[in-house]
């Protein structure tokens, strides 16, 4: 569904930028296998449905979900500092496509 959605947006002239999923290593988080699979698929195939990719999973700032420099106290969601990093990375890719 994701690929189809992206392709449909490109078909009507949109520029599409996708992001890999953050590689957060949070205790009790059992989604690592699914996240790794999605990231592998995105990296291998993004050029068939997007104009650019942002490799959030490769940014060390997001490796530790307990780091309150980038995450909220729930250890799941990014805080303003974390989102500022994401915004800067996305901006760089958007401006390059």
C-alpha atoms as a PDB file:
ATOM      1  CA  UNK A   1       0.000   0.000   0.000  1.00  0.00           C
ATOM      2  CA  UNK A   2       2.835   2.376   0.832  1.00  0.00           C
ATOM      3  CA  UNK A   3       4.538   1.878  -2.529  1.00  0.00           C
ATOM      4  CA  UNK A   4       1.248   2.258  -4.394  1.00  0.00           C
ATOM      5  CA  UNK A   5       0.511   5.481  -2.523  1.00  0.00           C
ATOM      6  CA  UNK A   6       3.957   6.911  -3.314  1.00  0.00           C
ATOM      7  CA  UNK A   7       3.723   5.931  -6.975  1.00  0.00           C
ATOM      8  CA  UNK A   8       0.295   7.560  -7.268  1.00  0.00           C
ATOM      9  CA  UNK A   9       1.649  10.817  -5.809  1.00  0.00           C
ATOM     10  CA  UNK A  10       4.584  10.769  -8.246  1.00  0.00           C
ATOM     11  CA  UNK A  11       2.182  10.084 -11.124  1.00  0.00           C
ATOM     12  CA  UNK A  12       0.454  13.420 -10.489  1.00  0.00           C
ATOM     13  CA  UNK A  13       3.708  15.351 -10.202  1.00  0.00           C
ATOM     14  CA  UNK A  14       4.530  15.292  -6.501  1.00  0.00           C
ATOM     15  CA  UNK A  15       8.083  14.881  -5.267  1.00  0.00           C
ATOM     16  CA  UNK A  16       8.183  11.979  -2.817  1.00  0.00           C
ATOM     17  CA  UNK A  17      10.768  11.613  -0.054  1.00  0.00           C
ATOM     18  CA  UNK A  18      10.660   8.588   2.253  1.00  0.00           C
ATOM     19  CA  UNK A  19      12.347   8.021   5.610  1.00  0.00           C
ATOM     20  CA  UNK A  20      13.670   4.849   7.133  1.00  0.00           C
ATOM     21  CA  UNK A  21      12.354   3.925  10.552  1.00  0.00           C
ATOM     22  CA  UNK A  22      14.378   5.080  13.538  1.00  0.00           C
ATOM     23  CA  UNK A  23      16.619   2.369  14.971  1.00  0.00           C
ATOM     24  CA  UNK A  24      15.591   2.847  18.580  1.00  0.00           C
ATOM     25  CA  UNK A  25      16.956   0.199  20.938  1.00  0.00           C
ATOM     26  CA  UNK A  26      14.364   0.363  23.699  1.00  0.00           C
ATOM     27  CA  UNK A  27      14.107  -2.414  26.280  1.00  0.00           C
ATOM     28  CA  UNK A  28      10.911  -4.358  25.730  1.00  0.00           C
ATOM     29  CA  UNK A  29      10.570  -3.179  22.147  1.00  0.00           C
ATOM     30  CA  UNK A  30       9.763  -6.249  20.076  1.00  0.00           C
ATOM     31  CA  UNK A  31       9.440  -4.556  16.701  1.00  0.00           C
ATOM     32  CA  UNK A  32      13.128  -4.646  15.771  1.00  0.00           C
ATOM     33  CA  UNK A  33      12.686  -7.438  13.222  1.00  0.00           C
ATOM     34  CA  UNK A  34       9.839  -5.668  11.422  1.00  0.00           C
ATOM     35  CA  UNK A  35      11.659  -2.343  11.472  1.00  0.00           C
ATOM     36  CA  UNK A  36      14.831  -3.914  10.090  1.00  0.00           C
ATOM     37  CA  UNK A  37      12.820  -5.585   7.303  1.00  0.00           C
ATOM     38  CA  UNK A  38      11.083  -2.314   6.368  1.00  0.00           C
ATOM     39  CA  UNK A  39      14.355  -0.392   6.360  1.00  0.00           C
ATOM     40  CA  UNK A  40      16.044  -3.022   4.195  1.00  0.00           C
ATOM     41  CA  UNK A  41      13.169  -2.895   1.708  1.00  0.00           C
ATOM     42  CA  UNK A  42      13.123   0.912   1.649  1.00  0.00           C
ATOM     43  CA  UNK A  43      16.863   1.146   1.044  1.00  0.00           C
ATOM     44  CA  UNK A  44      16.800  -1.474  -1.705  1.00  0.00           C
ATOM     45  CA  UNK A  45      13.727  -0.213  -3.555  1.00  0.00           C
ATOM     46  CA  UNK A  46      13.035   3.462  -2.843  1.00  0.00           C
ATOM     47  CA  UNK A  47      14.110   4.596  -6.309  1.00  0.00           C
ATOM     48  CA  UNK A  48      11.164   2.716  -7.842  1.00  0.00           C
ATOM     49  CA  UNK A  49       8.585   4.795  -5.919  1.00  0.00           C
ATOM     50  CA  UNK A  50      10.297   7.881  -4.435  1.00  0.00           C
ATOM     51  CA  UNK A  51      12.597  10.725  -5.387  1.00  0.00           C
ATOM     52  CA  UNK A  52      14.731  10.623  -2.259  1.00  0.00           C
ATOM     53  CA  UNK A  53      15.349   8.801   0.998  1.00  0.00           C
ATOM     54  CA  UNK A  54      16.284  10.011   4.488  1.00  0.00           C
ATOM     55  CA  UNK A  55      18.273   7.434   6.441  1.00  0.00           C
ATOM     56  CA  UNK A  56      17.004   8.093   9.960  1.00  0.00           C
ATOM     57  CA  UNK A  57      18.066   4.615  11.041  1.00  0.00           C
ATOM     58  CA  UNK A  58      21.695   5.569  10.452  1.00  0.00           C
ATOM     59  CA  UNK A  59      21.641   8.647  12.696  1.00  0.00           C
ATOM     60  CA  UNK A  60      23.230   7.787  16.051  1.00  0.00           C
ATOM     61  CA  UNK A  61      21.153  10.428  17.841  1.00  0.00           C
ATOM     62  CA  UNK A  62      18.169   8.091  17.681  1.00  0.00           C
ATOM     63  CA  UNK A  63      19.819   4.852  18.836  1.00  0.00           C
ATOM     64  CA  UNK A  64      18.930   5.173  22.531  1.00  0.00           C
ATOM     65  CA  UNK A  65      15.231   5.758  23.272  1.00  0.00           C
ATOM     66  CA  UNK A  66      16.056   6.593  26.867  1.00  0.00           C
ATOM     67  CA  UNK A  67      18.157   9.598  25.823  1.00  0.00           C
ATOM     68  CA  UNK A  68      15.945  12.518  26.812  1.00  0.00           C
ATOM     69  CA  UNK A  69      18.082  14.784  24.647  1.00  0.00           C
ATOM     70  CA  UNK A  70      16.074  13.495  21.674  1.00  0.00           C
ATOM     71  CA  UNK A  71      13.150  11.502  23.127  1.00  0.00           C
ATOM     72  CA  UNK A  72      10.193  12.292  25.360  1.00  0.00           C
ATOM     73  CA  UNK A  73       9.971  10.608  28.753  1.00  0.00           C
ATOM     74  CA  UNK A  74       7.786   7.870  27.209  1.00  0.00           C
ATOM     75  CA  UNK A  75      10.962   6.625  25.436  1.00  0.00           C
ATOM     76  CA  UNK A  76       8.999   6.257  22.200  1.00  0.00           C
ATOM     77  CA  UNK A  77       8.278   9.678  20.730  1.00  0.00           C
ATOM     78  CA  UNK A  78      10.835  12.269  19.740  1.00  0.00           C
ATOM     79  CA  UNK A  79      10.930  15.617  21.500  1.00  0.00           C
ATOM     80  CA  UNK A  80      11.439  18.984  19.794  1.00  0.00           C
ATOM     81  CA  UNK A  81      15.209  18.455  19.589  1.00  0.00           C
ATOM     82  CA  UNK A  82      14.755  15.047  17.963  1.00  0.00           C
ATOM     83  CA  UNK A  83      12.221  16.402  15.506  1.00  0.00           C
ATOM     84  CA  UNK A  84      14.549  19.292  14.651  1.00  0.00           C
ATOM     85  CA  UNK A  85      17.166  16.742  13.579  1.00  0.00           C
ATOM     86  CA  UNK A  86      14.597  14.901  11.464  1.00  0.00           C
ATOM     87  CA  UNK A  87      13.466  18.187   9.895  1.00  0.00           C
ATOM     88  CA  UNK A  88      17.035  19.161   8.989  1.00  0.00           C
ATOM     89  CA  UNK A  89      17.733  15.755   7.428  1.00  0.00           C
ATOM     90  CA  UNK A  90      14.477  15.791   5.459  1.00  0.00           C
ATOM     91  CA  UNK A  91      15.056  19.384   4.335  1.00  0.00           C
ATOM     92  CA  UNK A  92      18.469  18.490   2.932  1.00  0.00           C
ATOM     93  CA  UNK A  93      16.992  15.664   0.858  1.00  0.00           C
ATOM     94  CA  UNK A  94      13.955  17.690  -0.282  1.00  0.00           C
ATOM     95  CA  UNK A  95      16.223  20.482  -1.493  1.00  0.00           C
ATOM     96  CA  UNK A  96      18.346  17.978  -3.418  1.00  0.00           C
ATOM     97  CA  UNK A  97      15.499  16.367  -5.424  1.00  0.00           C
END
